[in-house]
Amino acid sequence: MNWTEFMDETVENIGVLAKEMPETAKAFTTMGTFAKKSGALDEKTKELMALGIAIATRCDSCIGFHVKSLIRLGITRDELVEALAMATYMGGGPSYAYSAKALKAFEEFS
């Protein structure tokens, strides 16, 4: 998979859908903004949690979005790999395969 092309297409598709349901799109964006806001947990920790959920639910576009956010937040390869080990432990074989996808996305976006 070419992660850059895949994510560009995903963003385009979401943009089209957002125009069809602007109130829902705005509400979703607002929810994300407040959910990711640093508090007792910092944004990086929250994005690691989101990546684990993306792996568990096998959501390629979610993996792409959260890996990009983690790169923006300065995640190291070692930190990512430790998080992927935990996701694999909790999710078994399917999460192992999707963790490999997340590592590939990290490599491409870094």
C-alpha atoms as a PDB file:
ATOM      1  CA  MET A   1       0.000   0.000   0.000  1.00  0.00           C
ATOM      2  CA  ASN A   2       1.187   3.501  -0.771  1.00  0.00           C
ATOM      3  CA  TRP A   3       0.199   5.266   2.439  1.00  0.00           C
ATOM      4  CA  THR A   4       0.519   8.769   1.043  1.00  0.00           C
ATOM      5  CA  GLU A   5      -1.815   8.083  -1.890  1.00  0.00           C
ATOM      6  CA  PHE A   6      -4.218   6.147   0.328  1.00  0.00           C
ATOM      7  CA  MET A   7      -4.449   8.955   2.868  1.00  0.00           C
ATOM      8  CA  ASP A   8      -4.784  11.655   0.205  1.00  0.00           C
ATOM      9  CA  GLU A   9      -7.739   9.740  -1.254  1.00  0.00           C
ATOM     10  CA  THR A  10      -9.220   9.215   2.209  1.00  0.00           C
ATOM     11  CA  VAL A  11      -9.022  12.928   3.037  1.00  0.00           C
ATOM     12  CA  GLU A  12     -10.641  13.745  -0.307  1.00  0.00           C
ATOM     13  CA  ASN A  13     -13.468  11.257   0.315  1.00  0.00           C
ATOM     14  CA  ILE A  14     -14.050  12.589   3.829  1.00  0.00           C
ATOM     15  CA  GLY A  15     -14.178  16.124   2.413  1.00  0.00           C
ATOM     16  CA  VAL A  16     -16.899  15.107  -0.036  1.00  0.00           C
ATOM     17  CA  LEU A  17     -18.899  13.434   2.720  1.00  0.00           C
ATOM     18  CA  ALA A  18     -18.432  16.414   5.055  1.00  0.00           C
ATOM     19  CA  LYS A  19     -20.052  18.683   2.464  1.00  0.00           C
ATOM     20  CA  GLU A  20     -23.097  16.393   2.466  1.00  0.00           C
ATOM     21  CA  MET A  21     -23.395  16.382   6.266  1.00  0.00           C
ATOM     22  CA  PRO A  22     -21.679  19.547   7.507  1.00  0.00           C
ATOM     23  CA  GLU A  23     -23.224  19.599  10.966  1.00  0.00           C
ATOM     24  CA  THR A  24     -22.149  16.024  11.697  1.00  0.00           C
ATOM     25  CA  ALA A  25     -18.659  16.695  10.323  1.00  0.00           C
ATOM     26  CA  LYS A  26     -18.310  19.821  12.452  1.00  0.00           C
ATOM     27  CA  ALA A  27     -19.479  17.979  15.556  1.00  0.00           C
ATOM     28  CA  PHE A  28     -17.044  15.117  14.920  1.00  0.00           C
ATOM     29  CA  THR A  29     -14.165  17.564  14.486  1.00  0.00           C
ATOM     30  CA  THR A  30     -15.130  19.380  17.673  1.00  0.00           C
ATOM     31  CA  MET A  31     -15.327  16.102  19.592  1.00  0.00           C
ATOM     32  CA  GLY A  32     -11.860  15.120  18.357  1.00  0.00           C
ATOM     33  CA  THR A  33     -10.394  18.473  19.323  1.00  0.00           C
ATOM     34  CA  PHE A  34     -11.635  18.178  22.898  1.00  0.00           C
ATOM     35  CA  ALA A  35     -10.847  14.451  23.225  1.00  0.00           C
ATOM     36  CA  LYS A  36      -7.215  15.019  22.187  1.00  0.00           C
ATOM     37  CA  LYS A  37      -6.691  18.079  24.397  1.00  0.00           C
ATOM     38  CA  SER A  38      -3.950  17.509  26.957  1.00  0.00           C
ATOM     39  CA  GLY A  39      -5.179  17.108  30.517  1.00  0.00           C
ATOM     40  CA  ALA A  40      -4.391  14.286  32.928  1.00  0.00           C
ATOM     41  CA  LEU A  41      -3.149  12.474  29.805  1.00  0.00           C
ATOM     42  CA  ASP A  42      -1.091  14.287  27.204  1.00  0.00           C
ATOM     43  CA  GLU A  43      -2.018  14.298  23.525  1.00  0.00           C
ATOM     44  CA  LYS A  44       0.726  11.816  22.617  1.00  0.00           C
ATOM     45  CA  THR A  45      -0.603   9.253  25.100  1.00  0.00           C
ATOM     46  CA  LYS A  46      -4.107   9.734  23.742  1.00  0.00           C
ATOM     47  CA  GLU A  47      -2.880   9.269  20.169  1.00  0.00           C
ATOM     48  CA  LEU A  48      -1.106   6.044  21.197  1.00  0.00           C
ATOM     49  CA  MET A  49      -4.406   4.829  22.629  1.00  0.00           C
ATOM     50  CA  ALA A  50      -6.178   5.796  19.415  1.00  0.00           C
ATOM     51  CA  LEU A  51      -3.592   3.937  17.344  1.00  0.00           C
ATOM     52  CA  GLY A  52      -4.102   0.809  19.449  1.00  0.00           C
ATOM     53  CA  ILE A  53      -7.848   1.033  18.879  1.00  0.00           C
ATOM     54  CA  ALA A  54      -7.302   1.625  15.149  1.00  0.00           C
ATOM     55  CA  ILE A  55      -5.177  -1.526  15.002  1.00  0.00           C
ATOM     56  CA  ALA A  56      -7.735  -3.541  16.994  1.00  0.00           C
ATOM     57  CA  THR A  57     -10.597  -2.404  14.762  1.00  0.00           C
ATOM     58  CA  ARG A  58      -8.512  -2.893  11.599  1.00  0.00           C
ATOM     59  CA  CYS A  59      -9.082   0.644  10.327  1.00  0.00           C
ATOM     60  CA  ASP A  60      -6.397   1.500   7.762  1.00  0.00           C
ATOM     61  CA  SER A  61      -7.350   5.162   7.477  1.00  0.00           C
ATOM     62  CA  CYS A  62      -7.438   5.515  11.278  1.00  0.00           C
ATOM     63  CA  ILE A  63      -3.951   4.008  11.443  1.00  0.00           C
ATOM     64  CA  GLY A  64      -2.781   6.570   8.895  1.00  0.00           C
ATOM     65  CA  PHE A  65      -4.325   9.532  10.718  1.00  0.00           C
ATOM     66  CA  HIS A  66      -2.996   8.535  14.133  1.00  0.00           C
ATOM     67  CA  VAL A  67       0.495   7.616  12.908  1.00  0.00           C
ATOM     68  CA  LYS A  68       0.702  11.043  11.248  1.00  0.00           C
ATOM     69  CA  SER A  69      -0.397  12.697  14.493  1.00  0.00           C
ATOM     70  CA  LEU A  70       2.163  10.730  16.481  1.00  0.00           C
ATOM     71  CA  ILE A  71       4.924  11.787  14.097  1.00  0.00           C
ATOM     72  CA  ARG A  72       3.819  15.407  14.527  1.00  0.00           C
ATOM     73  CA  LEU A  73       4.033  14.871  18.294  1.00  0.00           C
ATOM     74  CA  GLY A  74       7.595  13.560  18.022  1.00  0.00           C
ATOM     75  CA  ILE A  75       7.163   9.827  18.574  1.00  0.00           C
ATOM     76  CA  THR A  76      10.326   7.798  18.153  1.00  0.00           C
ATOM     77  CA  ARG A  77      10.480   4.508  16.312  1.00  0.00           C
ATOM     78  CA  ASP A  78      11.264   2.757  19.612  1.00  0.00           C
ATOM     79  CA  GLU A  79       8.183   4.250  21.293  1.00  0.00           C
ATOM     80  CA  LEU A  80       6.023   3.239  18.356  1.00  0.00           C
ATOM     81  CA  VAL A  81       7.372  -0.305  18.291  1.00  0.00           C
ATOM     82  CA  GLU A  82       6.688  -0.720  22.032  1.00  0.00           C
ATOM     83  CA  ALA A  83       3.107   0.466  21.501  1.00  0.00           C
ATOM     84  CA  LEU A  84       2.751  -1.929  18.567  1.00  0.00           C
ATOM     85  CA  ALA A  85       4.006  -4.791  20.741  1.00  0.00           C
ATOM     86  CA  MET A  86       1.260  -4.017  23.255  1.00  0.00           C
ATOM     87  CA  ALA A  87      -1.382  -3.795  20.519  1.00  0.00           C
ATOM     88  CA  THR A  88      -0.193  -7.155  19.167  1.00  0.00           C
ATOM     89  CA  TYR A  89      -0.277  -8.708  22.641  1.00  0.00           C
ATOM     90  CA  MET A  90      -3.843  -7.519  23.226  1.00  0.00           C
ATOM     91  CA  GLY A  91      -5.170  -8.307  19.751  1.00  0.00           C
ATOM     92  CA  GLY A  92      -3.313 -11.422  18.632  1.00  0.00           C
ATOM     93  CA  GLY A  93      -2.648 -12.318  15.013  1.00  0.00           C
ATOM     94  CA  PRO A  94      -4.880  -9.751  13.302  1.00  0.00           C
ATOM     95  CA  SER A  95      -3.371  -6.954  15.394  1.00  0.00           C
ATOM     96  CA  TYR A  96       0.105  -8.273  14.570  1.00  0.00           C
ATOM     97  CA  ALA A  97      -0.646  -7.793  10.848  1.00  0.00           C
ATOM     98  CA  TYR A  98      -2.139  -4.321  11.384  1.00  0.00           C
ATOM     99  CA  SER A  99       0.762  -3.325  13.646  1.00  0.00           C
ATOM    100  CA  ALA A 100       3.045  -4.141  10.720  1.00  0.00           C
ATOM    101  CA  LYS A 101       0.924  -1.799   8.586  1.00  0.00           C
ATOM    102  CA  ALA A 102       1.312   0.934  11.208  1.00  0.00           C
ATOM    103  CA  LEU A 103       5.090   0.533  11.189  1.00  0.00           C
ATOM    104  CA  LYS A 104       5.086   0.760   7.383  1.00  0.00           C
ATOM    105  CA  ALA A 105       2.991   3.942   7.567  1.00  0.00           C
ATOM    106  CA  PHE A 106       5.447   5.391  10.098  1.00  0.00           C
ATOM    107  CA  GLU A 107       8.355   4.614   7.783  1.00  0.00           C
ATOM    108  CA  GLU A 108       6.631   6.218   4.810  1.00  0.00           C
ATOM    109  CA  PHE A 109       5.464   9.350   6.632  1.00  0.00           C
ATOM    110  CA  SER A 110       8.730   9.923   8.549  1.00  0.00           C
END
